[in-house]
Protein backbone atom coordinates (compact mmCIF):
# COMPACT_ATOMS: atom_id res chain seq x y z
CA UNK A 1 -28.04 69.57 49.30
CA UNK A 2 -28.87 66.92 46.74
CA UNK A 3 -31.84 68.25 44.77
CA UNK A 4 -33.49 66.78 41.69
CA UNK A 5 -36.19 68.17 39.41
CA UNK A 6 -38.60 66.04 37.40
CA UNK A 7 -41.38 66.89 35.03
CA UNK A 8 -44.46 64.96 34.07
CA UNK A 9 -47.12 65.19 31.42
CA UNK A 10 -50.32 63.26 30.85
CA UNK A 11 -53.41 63.49 28.73
CA UNK A 12 -56.72 61.62 28.72
CA UNK A 13 -59.79 61.99 26.53
CA UNK A 14 -63.28 62.37 27.93
CA UNK A 15 -65.49 59.29 28.15
CA UNK A 16 -69.21 59.39 28.88
CA UNK A 17 -70.43 57.34 31.82
CA UNK A 18 -67.28 57.63 33.91
CA UNK A 19 -66.71 59.84 36.96
CA UNK A 20 -64.10 62.60 36.65
CA UNK A 21 -61.31 62.54 39.21
CA UNK A 22 -58.71 65.32 39.28
CA UNK A 23 -56.09 65.34 42.00
CA UNK A 24 -58.02 62.68 43.88
CA UNK A 25 -61.19 64.78 44.01
CA UNK A 26 -64.48 63.88 42.33
CA UNK A 27 -65.29 66.78 39.96
CA UNK A 28 -68.69 67.61 38.53
CA UNK A 29 -68.51 67.31 34.74
CA UNK A 30 -70.40 65.99 31.73
CA UNK A 31 -67.98 63.04 31.46
CA UNK A 32 -65.02 61.40 33.11
CA UNK A 33 -61.73 60.43 31.51
CA UNK A 34 -60.90 57.26 29.60
CA UNK A 35 -58.18 55.08 31.05
CA UNK A 36 -57.18 51.78 32.62
CA UNK A 37 -57.25 53.22 36.14
CA UNK A 38 -59.57 56.01 37.26
CA UNK A 39 -57.68 58.13 34.68
CA UNK A 40 -56.82 60.92 37.13
CA UNK A 41 -54.70 62.84 34.66
CA UNK A 42 -53.43 65.27 37.30
CA UNK A 43 -52.13 62.58 39.63
CA UNK A 44 -50.62 60.70 36.68
CA UNK A 45 -48.60 63.77 35.66
CA UNK A 46 -47.51 64.31 39.28
CA UNK A 47 -46.44 60.66 39.57
CA UNK A 48 -44.32 60.96 36.43
CA UNK A 49 -42.74 64.18 37.74
CA UNK A 50 -41.84 62.46 41.03
CA UNK A 51 -40.54 59.31 39.34
CA UNK A 52 -38.55 61.37 36.87
CA UNK A 53 -36.90 63.41 39.59
CA UNK A 54 -35.84 60.20 41.37
CA UNK A 55 -34.86 58.55 38.05
CA UNK A 56 -36.84 55.38 38.84
CA UNK A 57 -39.01 54.98 35.76
CA UNK A 58 -42.43 56.21 34.78
CA UNK A 59 -46.04 55.45 35.58
CA UNK A 60 -46.41 53.03 32.67
CA UNK A 61 -43.46 50.96 33.86
CA UNK A 62 -44.58 50.76 37.49
CA UNK A 63 -48.32 50.42 36.85
CA UNK A 64 -48.77 49.03 33.31
CA UNK A 65 -52.20 49.15 31.70
CA UNK A 66 -51.70 45.49 30.74
CA UNK A 67 -51.91 44.49 34.42
CA UNK A 68 -55.47 43.99 35.64
CA UNK A 69 -54.29 44.67 39.20
CA UNK A 70 -54.54 48.34 38.26
CA UNK A 71 -57.87 48.15 36.40
CA UNK A 72 -60.09 50.98 37.70
CA UNK A 73 -57.73 51.58 40.64
CA UNK A 74 -57.87 55.00 42.26
CA UNK A 75 -54.81 57.00 41.29
CA UNK A 76 -54.51 58.20 44.88
CA UNK A 77 -53.44 54.63 45.72
CA UNK A 78 -50.80 54.73 42.98
CA UNK A 79 -49.50 58.05 44.32
CA UNK A 80 -49.32 56.59 47.84
CA UNK A 81 -47.21 53.71 46.47
CA UNK A 82 -44.88 56.13 44.68
CA UNK A 83 -44.45 58.31 47.77
CA UNK A 84 -43.63 55.21 49.85
CA UNK A 85 -41.05 54.15 47.25
CA UNK A 86 -39.45 57.60 47.27
CA UNK A 87 -39.25 57.61 51.06
CA UNK A 88 -37.71 54.10 51.05
CA UNK A 89 -35.00 55.42 48.71
CA UNK A 90 -34.28 58.41 50.93
CA UNK A 91 -36.09 61.09 48.93
CA UNK A 92 -38.24 63.85 50.37
CA UNK A 93 -40.70 65.86 48.29
CA UNK A 94 -39.91 69.58 48.44
CA UNK A 95 -42.70 70.87 46.20
CA UNK A 96 -44.97 70.05 43.26
CA UNK A 97 -46.35 72.49 40.70
CA UNK A 98 -48.96 71.56 38.10
CA UNK A 99 -50.95 73.10 35.28
CA UNK A 100 -54.28 71.58 34.21
CA UNK A 101 -55.18 72.48 30.61
CA UNK A 102 -58.86 72.22 29.71
CA UNK A 103 -61.86 74.24 28.64
CA UNK A 104 -64.11 72.17 30.86
CA UNK A 105 -64.48 71.74 33.74
CA UNK A 106 -63.47 75.01 35.33
CA UNK A 107 -61.28 73.88 38.21
CA UNK A 108 -60.97 77.14 40.14
CA UNK A 109 -63.51 76.10 42.79
CA UNK A 110 -61.72 72.76 43.31
CA UNK A 111 -58.09 73.93 43.48
CA UNK A 112 -57.82 74.25 47.25
CA UNK A 113 -59.47 70.87 47.82
CA UNK A 114 -57.11 69.26 45.27
CA UNK A 115 -54.08 70.88 46.89
CA UNK A 116 -55.18 69.66 50.32
CA UNK A 117 -55.68 66.12 49.00
CA UNK A 118 -52.28 66.01 47.28
CA UNK A 119 -50.47 67.56 50.25
CA UNK A 120 -52.01 64.95 52.53
CA UNK A 121 -50.99 62.03 50.33
CA UNK A 122 -47.47 63.35 49.81
CA UNK A 123 -47.00 64.42 53.42
CA UNK A 124 -45.92 67.96 52.60
CA UNK A 125 -47.30 71.38 53.57
CA UNK A 126 -50.13 72.90 51.56
CA UNK A 127 -47.92 75.80 50.49
CA UNK A 128 -45.64 73.29 48.73
CA UNK A 129 -48.37 72.25 46.26
CA UNK A 130 -49.68 74.39 43.40
CA UNK A 131 -52.46 73.61 40.96
CA UNK A 132 -53.21 76.05 38.15
CA UNK A 133 -56.03 75.88 35.63
CA UNK A 134 -55.54 77.14 32.07
CA UNK A 135 -57.54 76.99 28.90
CA UNK A 136 -56.02 76.48 25.47
CA UNK A 137 -58.06 79.32 23.98
CA UNK A 138 -60.29 76.81 22.17
CA UNK A 139 -57.31 75.40 20.23
CA UNK A 140 -56.49 71.72 19.85
CA UNK A 141 -58.17 68.74 21.51
CA UNK A 142 -58.46 70.49 24.89
CA UNK A 143 -59.94 73.54 23.17
CA UNK A 144 -62.51 71.32 21.48
CA UNK A 145 -63.40 69.90 24.93
CA UNK A 146 -62.22 66.41 23.99
CA UNK A 147 -60.03 65.87 27.04
CA UNK A 148 -57.62 67.23 29.63
CA UNK A 149 -53.84 67.64 29.63
CA UNK A 150 -51.65 68.25 32.68
CA UNK A 151 -48.05 69.37 33.10
CA UNK A 152 -46.33 68.82 36.47
CA UNK A 153 -42.94 69.59 38.00
CA UNK A 154 -41.56 68.12 41.20
CA UNK A 155 -38.52 68.94 43.31
CA UNK A 156 -37.02 66.21 45.48
CA UNK A 157 -34.34 66.41 48.14
CA UNK A 158 -32.14 63.47 49.16
CA UNK A 159 -32.40 62.96 52.92
CA UNK A 160 -29.26 61.97 54.82
């Protein structure tokens, strides 16, 4: 078997007046995240994990914030493009694990919905997607409720 592991990380600060999307799901919160796209920090970290595992670049290379084509684009569309690229190169997604670090919002009530959304986009079973929520014990920018950070890991398998 030809397996590859990739990891991804992303961070975005909160911005008033924007909706908050995490894992493709609209989340109730006092503010959304600042960014060129919809700033879905979870999907961005997952994209980088997938791209890293396949060794085909990173999110900034494929979808630069200097290109207005991607202005306010839903990150679910970007993930669909990445999945299609992986498939075209013979890669299959085995599993994805992620950790969302924030004090707010509490994501526990959204985790299943996020997992279902991501599994659907990536075409893999629900039990191959994990989303965990963690606080940073009120330390750092996430602890001060200034934004959200996400770590993600992906495992790919080369299909024959």
